[in-house]
C-alpha atoms as a PDB file:
ATOM      1  CA  MET A   1      51.307 213.890 144.114  1.00  0.00           C
ATOM      2  CA  GLU A   2      48.954 216.830 143.575  1.00  0.00           C
ATOM      3  CA  ARG A   3      47.902 217.623 139.992  1.00  0.00           C
ATOM      4  CA  ILE A   4      48.456 221.206 138.835  1.00  0.00           C
ATOM      5  CA  ARG A   5      47.381 223.150 135.764  1.00  0.00           C
ATOM      6  CA  LEU A   6      49.755 222.813 132.854  1.00  0.00           C
ATOM      7  CA  ALA A   7      50.064 226.583 132.404  1.00  0.00           C
ATOM      8  CA  LYS A   8      51.067 226.971 136.054  1.00  0.00           C
ATOM      9  CA  TYR A   9      53.676 224.232 135.609  1.00  0.00           C
ATOM     10  CA  PHE A  10      55.388 226.355 132.912  1.00  0.00           C
ATOM     11  CA  THR A  11      55.516 229.257 135.356  1.00  0.00           C
ATOM     12  CA  ASP A  12      56.803 227.091 138.212  1.00  0.00           C
ATOM     13  CA  CYS A  13      59.554 225.817 135.906  1.00  0.00           C
ATOM     14  CA  GLY A  14      60.557 229.367 135.022  1.00  0.00           C
ATOM     15  CA  VAL A  15      59.765 228.960 131.311  1.00  0.00           C
ATOM     16  CA  MET A  16      57.101 231.623 130.755  1.00  0.00           C
ATOM     17  CA  SER A  17      54.076 233.319 132.283  1.00  0.00           C
ATOM     18  CA  ARG A  18      50.751 231.532 132.588  1.00  0.00           C
ATOM     19  CA  ARG A  19      49.202 233.712 129.887  1.00  0.00           C
ATOM     20  CA  ALA A  20      52.059 232.992 127.487  1.00  0.00           C
ATOM     21  CA  ALA A  21      51.876 229.292 128.315  1.00  0.00           C
ATOM     22  CA  GLU A  22      48.142 229.196 127.612  1.00  0.00           C
ATOM     23  CA  ALA A  23      48.782 230.804 124.216  1.00  0.00           C
ATOM     24  CA  GLU A  24      51.393 228.162 123.365  1.00  0.00           C
ATOM     25  CA  ILE A  25      49.086 225.380 124.554  1.00  0.00           C
ATOM     26  CA  ALA A  26      46.208 226.767 122.485  1.00  0.00           C
ATOM     27  CA  ALA A  27      48.503 226.850 119.456  1.00  0.00           C
ATOM     28  CA  GLY A  28      49.150 223.112 119.855  1.00  0.00           C
ATOM     29  CA  ARG A  29      52.854 223.489 120.607  1.00  0.00           C
ATOM     30  CA  VAL A  30      52.757 221.530 123.890  1.00  0.00           C
ATOM     31  CA  THR A  31      52.355 217.788 124.361  1.00  0.00           C
ATOM     32  CA  VAL A  32      51.798 215.757 127.532  1.00  0.00           C
ATOM     33  CA  ASN A  33      52.814 212.115 127.378  1.00  0.00           C
ATOM     34  CA  GLY A  34      52.834 212.336 123.581  1.00  0.00           C
ATOM     35  CA  SER A  35      49.377 213.866 123.186  1.00  0.00           C
ATOM     36  CA  VAL A  36      48.682 217.477 122.211  1.00  0.00           C
ATOM     37  CA  ALA A  37      47.728 219.386 125.350  1.00  0.00           C
ATOM     38  CA  GLN A  38      44.556 221.407 125.805  1.00  0.00           C
ATOM     39  CA  ILE A  39      43.849 224.583 127.782  1.00  0.00           C
ATOM     40  CA  GLY A  40      42.940 223.627 131.343  1.00  0.00           C
ATOM     41  CA  ASP A  41      44.823 220.317 131.325  1.00  0.00           C
ATOM     42  CA  LYS A  42      46.369 219.254 134.611  1.00  0.00           C
ATOM     43  CA  ILE A  43      49.532 217.220 135.089  1.00  0.00           C
ATOM     44  CA  GLU A  44      51.173 215.253 137.867  1.00  0.00           C
ATOM     45  CA  VAL A  45      54.593 216.756 138.497  1.00  0.00           C
ATOM     46  CA  GLY A  46      57.392 214.232 138.177  1.00  0.00           C
ATOM     47  CA  VAL A  47      55.115 211.725 136.431  1.00  0.00           C
ATOM     48  CA  ASP A  48      53.756 213.295 133.240  1.00  0.00           C
ATOM     49  CA  GLU A  49      56.195 214.231 130.466  1.00  0.00           C
ATOM     50  CA  VAL A  50      55.713 217.761 129.116  1.00  0.00           C
ATOM     51  CA  ILE A  51      57.337 218.640 125.769  1.00  0.00           C
ATOM     52  CA  TYR A  52      57.520 222.167 124.330  1.00  0.00           C
ATOM     53  CA  LYS A  53      59.268 222.859 121.034  1.00  0.00           C
ATOM     54  CA  GLY A  54      60.966 219.479 121.198  1.00  0.00           C
ATOM     55  CA  LYS A  55      62.360 219.964 124.697  1.00  0.00           C
ATOM     56  CA  LYS A  56      61.269 218.329 127.926  1.00  0.00           C
ATOM     57  CA  ILE A  57      60.107 220.833 130.521  1.00  0.00           C
ATOM     58  CA  THR A  58      61.383 219.993 133.995  1.00  0.00           C
ATOM     59  CA  PRO A  59      61.055 221.736 137.362  1.00  0.00           C
ATOM     60  CA  ARG A  60      63.721 224.181 138.401  1.00  0.00           C
ATOM     61  CA  ALA A  61      66.667 222.483 140.006  1.00  0.00           C
ATOM     62  CA  GLU A  62      66.073 222.510 143.726  1.00  0.00           C
ATOM     63  CA  LYS A  63      67.099 220.408 146.633  1.00  0.00           C
ATOM     64  CA  ARG A  64      64.832 217.441 147.125  1.00  0.00           C
ATOM     65  CA  ILE A  65      63.175 217.774 150.504  1.00  0.00           C
ATOM     66  CA  THR A  66      61.028 215.267 152.365  1.00  0.00           C
ATOM     67  CA  VAL A  67      59.444 215.887 155.747  1.00  0.00           C
ATOM     68  CA  MET A  68      57.495 213.833 158.240  1.00  0.00           C
ATOM     69  CA  LEU A  69      54.324 215.423 159.595  1.00  0.00           C
ATOM     70  CA  ASN A  70      52.196 214.324 162.528  1.00  0.00           C
ATOM     71  CA  LYS A  71      48.846 215.053 160.928  1.00  0.00           C
ATOM     72  CA  PRO A  72      46.033 215.923 163.346  1.00  0.00           C
ATOM     73  CA  ARG A  73      42.465 214.765 162.834  1.00  0.00           C
ATOM     74  CA  GLY A  74      40.267 217.243 160.998  1.00  0.00           C
ATOM     75  CA  ILE A  75      42.984 218.267 158.516  1.00  0.00           C
ATOM     76  CA  VAL A  76      42.472 217.286 154.869  1.00  0.00           C
ATOM     77  CA  CYS A  77      45.299 215.488 153.089  1.00  0.00           C
ATOM     78  CA  THR A  78      45.609 217.623 149.949  1.00  0.00           C
ATOM     79  CA  ALA A  79      47.716 220.525 148.765  1.00  0.00           C
ATOM     80  CA  SER A  80      44.539 222.573 148.279  1.00  0.00           C
ATOM     81  CA  ASP A  81      40.868 222.138 149.122  1.00  0.00           C
ATOM     82  CA  GLU A  82      37.891 223.424 147.164  1.00  0.00           C
ATOM     83  CA  LYS A  83      35.910 223.846 150.388  1.00  0.00           C
ATOM     84  CA  GLY A  84      38.585 226.017 151.952  1.00  0.00           C
ATOM     85  CA  ARG A  85      39.323 223.564 154.745  1.00  0.00           C
ATOM     86  CA  ARG A  86      42.705 223.551 156.445  1.00  0.00           C
ATOM     87  CA  ASN A  87      45.068 221.140 154.705  1.00  0.00           C
ATOM     88  CA  VAL A  88      48.388 219.444 155.433  1.00  0.00           C
ATOM     89  CA  THR A  89      50.452 221.883 153.379  1.00  0.00           C
ATOM     90  CA  ASP A  90      49.206 224.681 155.625  1.00  0.00           C
ATOM     91  CA  LEU A  91      51.096 222.964 158.443  1.00  0.00           C
ATOM     92  CA  CYS A  92      54.321 222.882 156.409  1.00  0.00           C
ATOM     93  CA  ARG A  93      54.438 226.429 155.066  1.00  0.00           C
ATOM     94  CA  ASP A  94      57.599 227.149 157.042  1.00  0.00           C
ATOM     95  CA  VAL A  95      59.620 224.404 155.298  1.00  0.00           C
ATOM     96  CA  LYS A  96      62.463 226.159 153.466  1.00  0.00           C
ATOM     97  CA  GLY A  97      65.081 225.190 150.921  1.00  0.00           C
ATOM     98  CA  GLU A  98      68.788 226.021 150.946  1.00  0.00           C
ATOM     99  CA  ASP A  99      68.045 229.495 149.586  1.00  0.00           C
ATOM    100  CA  GLY A 100      65.830 230.254 152.546  1.00  0.00           C
ATOM    101  CA  LYS A 101      62.694 230.384 150.413  1.00  0.00           C
ATOM    102  CA  ALA A 102      59.557 228.390 151.117  1.00  0.00           C
ATOM    103  CA  VAL A 103      59.383 225.000 149.375  1.00  0.00           C
ATOM    104  CA  ARG A 104      56.129 223.692 147.914  1.00  0.00           C
ATOM    105  CA  LEU A 105      55.567 220.146 149.129  1.00  0.00           C
ATOM    106  CA  TYR A 106      52.993 217.532 148.202  1.00  0.00           C
ATOM    107  CA  PRO A 107      51.574 214.773 150.415  1.00  0.00           C
ATOM    108  CA  VAL A 108      52.698 211.226 149.661  1.00  0.00           C
ATOM    109  CA  GLY A 109      49.552 209.112 149.677  1.00  0.00           C
ATOM    110  CA  ARG A 110      46.611 209.878 151.901  1.00  0.00           C
ATOM    111  CA  LEU A 111      45.349 209.904 155.454  1.00  0.00           C
ATOM    112  CA  ASP A 112      41.624 210.612 155.560  1.00  0.00           C
ATOM    113  CA  MET A 113      40.371 213.659 157.428  1.00  0.00           C
ATOM    114  CA  ASP A 114      39.267 211.632 160.471  1.00  0.00           C
ATOM    115  CA  SER A 115      42.628 209.851 160.801  1.00  0.00           C
ATOM    116  CA  ASP A 116      45.869 211.152 162.273  1.00  0.00           C
ATOM    117  CA  GLY A 117      49.540 210.324 162.430  1.00  0.00           C
ATOM    118  CA  LEU A 118      52.575 209.944 160.207  1.00  0.00           C
ATOM    119  CA  LEU A 119      52.401 211.544 156.765  1.00  0.00           C
ATOM    120  CA  LEU A 120      55.274 212.243 154.392  1.00  0.00           C
ATOM    121  CA  LEU A 121      55.371 215.350 152.215  1.00  0.00           C
ATOM    122  CA  THR A 122      57.960 215.940 149.499  1.00  0.00           C
ATOM    123  CA  ASN A 123      58.951 217.843 146.367  1.00  0.00           C
ATOM    124  CA  ASP A 124      60.645 214.671 145.071  1.00  0.00           C
ATOM    125  CA  GLY A 125      58.277 213.252 142.458  1.00  0.00           C
ATOM    126  CA  GLU A 126      60.386 210.146 141.908  1.00  0.00           C
ATOM    127  CA  LEU A 127      60.325 209.232 145.591  1.00  0.00           C
ATOM    128  CA  ALA A 128      56.590 209.914 145.847  1.00  0.00           C
ATOM    129  CA  ASN A 129      55.858 207.623 142.899  1.00  0.00           C
ATOM    130  CA  LYS A 130      57.984 204.872 144.378  1.00  0.00           C
ATOM    131  CA  LEU A 131      56.283 205.048 147.771  1.00  0.00           C
ATOM    132  CA  THR A 132      52.758 205.010 146.316  1.00  0.00           C
ATOM    133  CA  HIS A 133      53.367 202.182 143.821  1.00  0.00           C
ATOM    134  CA  PRO A 134      51.340 199.023 144.649  1.00  0.00           C
ATOM    135  CA  ARG A 135      54.517 196.907 144.589  1.00  0.00           C
ATOM    136  CA  HIS A 136      56.294 199.069 147.139  1.00  0.00           C
ATOM    137  CA  SER A 137      57.680 196.805 149.853  1.00  0.00           C
ATOM    138  CA  ILE A 138      57.571 199.071 152.926  1.00  0.00           C
ATOM    139  CA  PRO A 139      54.550 198.448 155.193  1.00  0.00           C
ATOM    140  CA  LYS A 140      52.469 201.186 156.761  1.00  0.00           C
ATOM    141  CA  ILE A 141      51.726 200.580 160.432  1.00  0.00           C
ATOM    142  CA  TYR A 142      48.509 201.804 162.056  1.00  0.00           C
ATOM    143  CA  GLU A 143      47.346 201.771 165.652  1.00  0.00           C
ATOM    144  CA  VAL A 144      43.569 201.424 165.667  1.00  0.00           C
ATOM    145  CA  THR A 145      41.203 201.729 168.602  1.00  0.00           C
ATOM    146  CA  LEU A 146      38.090 199.587 168.115  1.00  0.00           C
ATOM    147  CA  ARG A 147      34.869 200.260 169.963  1.00  0.00           C
ATOM    148  CA  GLY A 148      34.132 197.320 172.230  1.00  0.00           C
ATOM    149  CA  GLN A 149      36.255 194.544 173.644  1.00  0.00           C
ATOM    150  CA  TYR A 150      37.492 191.815 171.328  1.00  0.00           C
ATOM    151  CA  LEU A 151      39.499 188.721 172.196  1.00  0.00           C
ATOM    152  CA  PRO A 152      43.128 188.684 170.998  1.00  0.00           C
ATOM    153  CA  GLU A 153      42.452 185.531 168.966  1.00  0.00           C
ATOM    154  CA  ASP A 154      39.516 187.153 167.176  1.00  0.00           C
ATOM    155  CA  VAL A 155      41.041 190.389 165.816  1.00  0.00           C
ATOM    156  CA  SER A 156      42.953 188.624 163.027  1.00  0.00           C
ATOM    157  CA  MET A 157      39.656 188.223 161.159  1.00  0.00           C
ATOM    158  CA  LEU A 158      39.761 191.948 160.403  1.00  0.00           C
ATOM    159  CA  GLY A 159      42.747 191.370 158.118  1.00  0.00           C
ATOM    160  CA  GLU A 160      41.070 188.816 155.861  1.00  0.00           C
ATOM    161  CA  SER A 161      40.859 189.607 152.147  1.00  0.00           C
ATOM    162  CA  ILE A 162      37.590 191.253 151.139  1.00  0.00           C
ATOM    163  CA  GLU A 163      36.372 192.730 147.874  1.00  0.00           C
ATOM    164  CA  LEU A 164      36.720 196.504 147.613  1.00  0.00           C
ATOM    165  CA  ASP A 165      35.845 198.351 144.417  1.00  0.00           C
ATOM    166  CA  GLY A 166      35.679 195.145 142.423  1.00  0.00           C
ATOM    167  CA  ARG A 167      38.905 193.482 143.544  1.00  0.00           C
ATOM    168  CA  LEU A 168      40.227 191.655 146.565  1.00  0.00           C
ATOM    169  CA  THR A 169      42.440 193.316 149.127  1.00  0.00           C
ATOM    170  CA  MET A 170      45.761 191.785 150.029  1.00  0.00           C
ATOM    171  CA  PRO A 171      45.692 190.021 153.423  1.00  0.00           C
ATOM    172  CA  VAL A 172      46.522 192.405 156.263  1.00  0.00           C
ATOM    173  CA  LYS A 173      48.323 191.445 159.463  1.00  0.00           C
ATOM    174  CA  VAL A 174      46.251 192.497 162.481  1.00  0.00           C
ATOM    175  CA  THR A 175      47.546 191.955 166.006  1.00  0.00           C
ATOM    176  CA  PHE A 176      46.103 192.625 169.444  1.00  0.00           C
ATOM    177  CA  ILE A 177      47.819 195.300 171.575  1.00  0.00           C
ATOM    178  CA  GLU A 178      45.642 195.854 174.621  1.00  0.00           C
ATOM    179  CA  HIS A 179      42.198 196.411 176.077  1.00  0.00           C
ATOM    180  CA  LYS A 180      41.776 200.074 176.994  1.00  0.00           C
ATOM    181  CA  ASN A 181      38.710 200.953 179.043  1.00  0.00           C
ATOM    182  CA  ASP A 182      35.867 199.437 177.013  1.00  0.00           C
ATOM    183  CA  ASN A 183      37.800 199.459 173.750  1.00  0.00           C
ATOM    184  CA  THR A 184      40.371 197.268 172.002  1.00  0.00           C
ATOM    185  CA  VAL A 185      43.633 198.598 170.556  1.00  0.00           C
ATOM    186  CA  VAL A 186      45.090 196.663 167.597  1.00  0.00           C
ATOM    187  CA  LYS A 187      47.875 197.067 165.051  1.00  0.00           C
ATOM    188  CA  PHE A 188      47.267 196.922 161.291  1.00  0.00           C
ATOM    189  CA  GLU A 189      50.210 196.325 158.936  1.00  0.00           C
ATOM    190  CA  LEU A 190      49.366 197.244 155.315  1.00  0.00           C
ATOM    191  CA  PHE A 191      51.297 197.049 152.071  1.00  0.00           C
ATOM    192  CA  GLU A 192      48.393 198.518 150.088  1.00  0.00           C
ATOM    193  CA  GLY A 193      46.879 201.964 150.248  1.00  0.00           C
ATOM    194  CA  ARG A 194      43.279 201.505 149.123  1.00  0.00           C
ATOM    195  CA  ASN A 195      40.801 204.309 149.815  1.00  0.00           C
ATOM    196  CA  ARG A 196      39.770 204.214 153.508  1.00  0.00           C
ATOM    197  CA  GLN A 197      40.831 200.571 153.478  1.00  0.00           C
ATOM    198  CA  ILE A 198      41.055 199.894 157.223  1.00  0.00           C
ATOM    199  CA  ARG A 199      37.755 201.601 157.937  1.00  0.00           C
ATOM    200  CA  ARG A 200      36.019 199.663 155.179  1.00  0.00           C
ATOM    201  CA  MET A 201      37.529 196.341 156.284  1.00  0.00           C
ATOM    202  CA  CYS A 202      36.269 196.951 159.813  1.00  0.00           C
ATOM    203  CA  GLU A 203      32.852 198.028 158.560  1.00  0.00           C
ATOM    204  CA  TYR A 204      32.650 194.758 156.609  1.00  0.00           C
ATOM    205  CA  HIS A 205      32.822 192.880 159.939  1.00  0.00           C
ATOM    206  CA  GLY A 206      30.517 195.299 161.746  1.00  0.00           C
ATOM    207  CA  VAL A 207      33.356 196.719 163.838  1.00  0.00           C
ATOM    208  CA  ARG A 208      33.406 200.437 164.624  1.00  0.00           C
ATOM    209  CA  ILE A 209      36.583 202.495 164.879  1.00  0.00           C
ATOM    210  CA  ASP A 210      37.102 205.080 167.592  1.00  0.00           C
ATOM    211  CA  ARG A 211      40.550 206.256 166.439  1.00  0.00           C
ATOM    212  CA  LEU A 212      42.900 205.432 163.566  1.00  0.00           C
ATOM    213  CA  SER A 213      46.522 206.593 163.700  1.00  0.00           C
ATOM    214  CA  ARG A 214      49.443 205.830 161.399  1.00  0.00           C
ATOM    215  CA  VAL A 215      52.435 205.359 163.672  1.00  0.00           C
ATOM    216  CA  ALA A 216      55.134 204.151 161.273  1.00  0.00           C
ATOM    217  CA  ILE A 217      56.145 203.571 157.672  1.00  0.00           C
ATOM    218  CA  GLY A 218      58.508 200.631 157.881  1.00  0.00           C
ATOM    219  CA  ASN A 219      61.403 201.687 160.125  1.00  0.00           C
ATOM    220  CA  LEU A 220      60.307 205.336 160.110  1.00  0.00           C
ATOM    221  CA  LYS A 221      58.436 205.913 163.357  1.00  0.00           C
ATOM    222  CA  LEU A 222      56.390 208.899 164.453  1.00  0.00           C
ATOM    223  CA  GLY A 223      58.095 208.784 167.830  1.00  0.00           C
ATOM    224  CA  GLN A 224      57.754 211.926 169.928  1.00  0.00           C
ATOM    225  CA  LEU A 225      56.907 214.275 167.053  1.00  0.00           C
ATOM    226  CA  ALA A 226      54.164 216.548 168.390  1.00  0.00           C
ATOM    227  CA  GLU A 227      50.765 216.691 166.733  1.00  0.00           C
ATOM    228  CA  GLY A 228      50.689 219.266 163.943  1.00  0.00           C
ATOM    229  CA  LYS A 229      54.499 219.496 163.796  1.00  0.00           C
ATOM    230  CA  TRP A 230      56.948 218.351 161.113  1.00  0.00           C
ATOM    231  CA  ARG A 231      60.620 217.450 160.823  1.00  0.00           C
ATOM    232  CA  TYR A 232      63.050 216.875 157.956  1.00  0.00           C
ATOM    233  CA  LEU A 233      63.934 213.287 157.097  1.00  0.00           C
ATOM    234  CA  ASN A 234      67.657 212.673 157.399  1.00  0.00           C
ATOM    235  CA  GLN A 235      69.794 211.128 154.668  1.00  0.00           C
ATOM    236  CA  LYS A 236      69.722 207.674 156.273  1.00  0.00           C
ATOM    237  CA  GLU A 237      65.910 207.713 156.307  1.00  0.00           C
ATOM    238  CA  ILE A 238      65.752 208.857 152.679  1.00  0.00           C
ATOM    239  CA  GLU A 239      68.116 206.059 151.636  1.00  0.00           C
ATOM    240  CA  TYR A 240      65.950 203.537 153.498  1.00  0.00           C
ATOM    241  CA  LEU A 241      62.879 204.634 151.531  1.00  0.00           C
ATOM    242  CA  THR A 242      64.591 204.742 148.148  1.00  0.00           C
ATOM    243  CA  LYS A 243      66.379 201.401 148.430  1.00  0.00           C
ATOM    244  CA  LYS A 244      63.306 199.370 149.323  1.00  0.00           C
END
């Protein structure tokens, strides 16, 4: 989930204005996860516990909404970008709640700017935390086009454990799909979500990627959803994600 300034969180929760919140924070009347907050602190909504005058501050009651987006390449996977680049929330500005007002959503996990495909966005902090936890049991499925032709029996090497950022990756299932022109299309099945993991695993073996697309998260498939478009998840899909 995206981190937001603590003072803004008070406003979003309908407690007080940002200026009033900053005054209360400066006076030492606000704690985050048991520690006295400071001006400028940021929190992760739905994760960090904010206490003011002995009471827990929680977001306004609103319907929990989760959407599936077909993210195009070239779009950054954040709720805001310091460089002013177009981001995934720009594509979901027309998502509305039951009151007809726009709903602020946050991306669940990441797809790097050069990758495309299935991305979930939600205002449900609990669901987002569950889906991004390392022990989460739903695999993410990627269709990857490799530059050059590789034999079906050789592509499994790309899924071997390697050391990234000081620790080994979990083994990844890689299967051959087809040869396409001079390239090779394979499927990666990941249970982890390490930073640019597939690209770095391929780089380790000297293999270059032409295109990387996430096509499914477990039983949730991108299907015919057009690039740059979104759709609401239905109740059955939400239950599938929460029960895993």
